[in-house]
Protein backbone atom coordinates (compact mmCIF):
# COMPACT_ATOMS: atom_id res chain seq x y z
CA MET A 1 -27.99 -278.93 -26.89
CA CYS A 2 -26.23 -277.91 -23.62
CA CYS A 3 -22.69 -277.47 -25.06
CA ARG A 4 -23.50 -275.73 -28.30
CA SER A 5 -23.01 -272.07 -29.04
CA PRO A 6 -26.16 -269.86 -29.22
CA GLN A 7 -25.78 -269.70 -32.95
CA GLN A 8 -25.66 -273.50 -33.25
CA LYS A 9 -28.70 -273.90 -31.00
CA ARG A 10 -30.55 -271.35 -33.04
CA ALA A 11 -29.72 -273.06 -36.29
CA ALA A 12 -30.77 -276.50 -34.85
CA LEU A 13 -34.12 -275.19 -33.62
CA VAL A 14 -34.81 -273.47 -36.91
CA ALA A 15 -33.93 -276.64 -38.85
CA LEU A 16 -36.49 -278.60 -36.76
CA GLY A 17 -39.16 -276.01 -37.55
CA ILE A 18 -39.48 -275.03 -33.88
CA LEU A 19 -40.61 -271.51 -32.96
CA LEU A 20 -37.51 -269.57 -32.07
CA VAL A 21 -37.83 -266.37 -30.09
CA ILE A 22 -34.86 -263.94 -29.82
CA THR A 23 -35.68 -261.17 -27.35
CA SER A 24 -33.95 -257.81 -26.97
CA THR A 25 -33.07 -256.31 -23.63
CA ASP A 26 -35.94 -253.83 -23.99
CA ARG A 27 -38.86 -254.05 -21.52
CA LEU A 28 -42.40 -254.64 -22.62
CA ALA A 29 -44.25 -251.72 -24.00
CA ALA A 30 -47.06 -252.35 -21.55
CA ASP A 31 -47.18 -250.32 -18.32
CA GLU A 32 -46.63 -253.17 -15.88
CA GLY A 33 -47.50 -250.98 -12.91
CA GLN A 34 -51.02 -250.36 -14.11
CA ALA A 35 -53.34 -253.11 -12.79
CA SER A 36 -56.37 -251.77 -14.67
CA SER A 37 -54.95 -252.41 -18.09
CA PRO A 38 -53.79 -255.77 -19.60
CA THR A 39 -50.09 -256.46 -19.45
CA LEU A 40 -48.49 -258.02 -22.56
CA LEU A 41 -46.23 -261.01 -21.75
CA THR A 42 -45.27 -262.93 -24.91
CA PRO A 43 -43.97 -262.25 -27.45
CA PRO A 44 -42.27 -259.30 -25.76
CA THR A 45 -41.57 -256.16 -27.76
CA ASN A 46 -38.81 -256.20 -30.37
CA THR A 47 -38.93 -259.95 -30.66
CA GLU A 48 -37.76 -261.72 -33.82
CA ILE A 49 -39.61 -264.99 -34.55
CA MET A 50 -38.07 -267.28 -37.09
CA PHE A 51 -39.74 -270.09 -38.99
CA ARG A 52 -38.52 -272.22 -41.81
CA ILE A 53 -41.92 -271.67 -43.47
CA PRO A 54 -43.80 -268.74 -41.83
CA ALA A 55 -47.16 -269.74 -43.45
CA LYS A 56 -47.04 -272.90 -41.33
CA GLY A 57 -45.88 -271.28 -38.08
CA SER A 58 -47.93 -270.60 -34.95
CA ILE A 59 -47.31 -267.90 -32.43
CA ALA A 60 -48.76 -267.96 -28.86
CA PHE A 61 -49.65 -264.54 -27.49
CA THR A 62 -50.06 -264.29 -23.71
CA TRP A 63 -51.03 -261.40 -21.42
CA ARG A 64 -52.02 -260.72 -17.85
CA GLY A 65 -55.69 -259.82 -18.04
CA VAL A 66 -57.90 -257.51 -16.04
CA PRO A 67 -60.29 -259.18 -13.52
CA SER A 68 -63.91 -259.44 -14.61
CA ALA A 69 -63.06 -258.53 -18.19
CA THR A 70 -63.12 -260.15 -21.57
CA ALA A 71 -60.07 -259.55 -23.71
CA TYR A 72 -59.89 -258.38 -27.29
CA ILE A 73 -56.51 -259.10 -28.95
CA VAL A 74 -55.50 -257.24 -32.08
CA VAL A 75 -52.42 -257.89 -34.36
CA ALA A 76 -51.73 -255.45 -37.16
CA LYS A 77 -49.11 -254.49 -39.64
CA SER A 78 -49.28 -250.78 -38.50
CA ALA A 79 -49.13 -249.03 -35.07
CA ASP A 80 -52.58 -247.42 -35.68
CA PHE A 81 -54.29 -250.86 -35.83
CA ARG A 82 -56.67 -249.65 -38.58
CA LYS A 83 -56.29 -252.83 -40.68
CA PRO A 84 -55.78 -255.77 -38.28
CA VAL A 85 -54.48 -259.08 -39.68
CA PHE A 86 -55.85 -260.90 -36.59
CA GLN A 87 -58.40 -260.00 -33.97
CA ARG A 88 -60.25 -262.10 -31.49
CA ARG A 89 -62.43 -261.65 -28.44
CA THR A 90 -61.70 -264.17 -25.74
CA THR A 91 -62.12 -264.92 -22.07
CA GLU A 92 -58.64 -266.56 -21.95
CA SER A 93 -55.33 -264.78 -21.40
CA PHE A 94 -53.78 -266.20 -24.58
CA ALA A 95 -54.43 -266.59 -28.25
CA VAL A 96 -52.60 -268.59 -30.99
CA VAL A 97 -52.14 -267.06 -34.34
CA ARG A 98 -51.17 -269.18 -37.35
CA GLY A 99 -49.74 -268.41 -40.74
CA LEU A 100 -48.61 -264.80 -40.52
CA PRO A 101 -46.21 -263.91 -43.39
CA GLU A 102 -42.83 -262.39 -42.96
CA GLY A 103 -42.78 -258.83 -41.70
CA ARG A 104 -43.12 -256.48 -38.72
CA TYR A 105 -46.22 -256.58 -36.61
CA PHE A 106 -47.75 -254.67 -33.74
CA TRP A 107 -50.05 -256.23 -31.08
CA ARG A 108 -52.07 -255.14 -28.13
CA VAL A 109 -55.01 -256.28 -25.89
CA GLU A 110 -58.04 -254.31 -24.90
CA ALA A 111 -59.96 -255.22 -21.73
CA LEU A 112 -63.69 -255.25 -22.20
CA PRO A 113 -65.02 -255.09 -18.59
CA GLU A 114 -68.70 -255.23 -17.65
CA ASP A 115 -68.79 -251.50 -16.84
CA GLY A 116 -68.21 -250.45 -20.40
CA THR A 117 -64.74 -248.87 -20.10
CA ALA A 118 -62.04 -250.37 -22.23
CA PRO A 119 -58.44 -250.07 -20.86
CA VAL A 120 -55.87 -250.95 -23.52
CA SER A 121 -52.41 -252.50 -22.95
CA GLY A 122 -49.34 -251.01 -24.29
CA THR A 123 -48.22 -251.92 -27.76
CA ALA A 124 -45.55 -254.49 -28.51
CA THR A 125 -43.81 -255.27 -31.81
CA PHE A 126 -42.45 -258.41 -33.30
CA THR A 127 -40.93 -259.49 -36.56
CA ILE A 128 -41.41 -262.72 -38.37
CA SER A 129 -38.53 -263.91 -40.56
CA VAL A 130 -37.44 -267.02 -42.42
CA GLY A 131 -34.65 -269.02 -40.68
CA ALA A 132 -31.78 -270.40 -42.63
CA ARG A 133 -31.69 -274.14 -43.48
CA LEU A 134 -28.75 -276.18 -42.21
């Protein structure tokens, strides 16, 4: 795929059912200078993720965690996170979410350190859409 245009590469990846991430030039919503809070890595904010069939798609979320803390990842349809569509407590710095339908989402990570405080990352957004068939 080295000599194709960006649009041709995008269409080829979508046709193969491969996760395609299109990022904007915006920086992550997380405060990268703050070591006591998790830092969101992927998908970065304002990302469009295209699947031929969203219900069969998987998205890998990654973040830089806080030492000596368990992470709690939350994905929701609204910025207030009141009705999460995915949430998981993990000791890893990643989580895979499968089968999210089309739409706009918000995600964040909360650190659950042993001392009881819970620093929260910034919030990032992403959109899932259906890619065109070739």
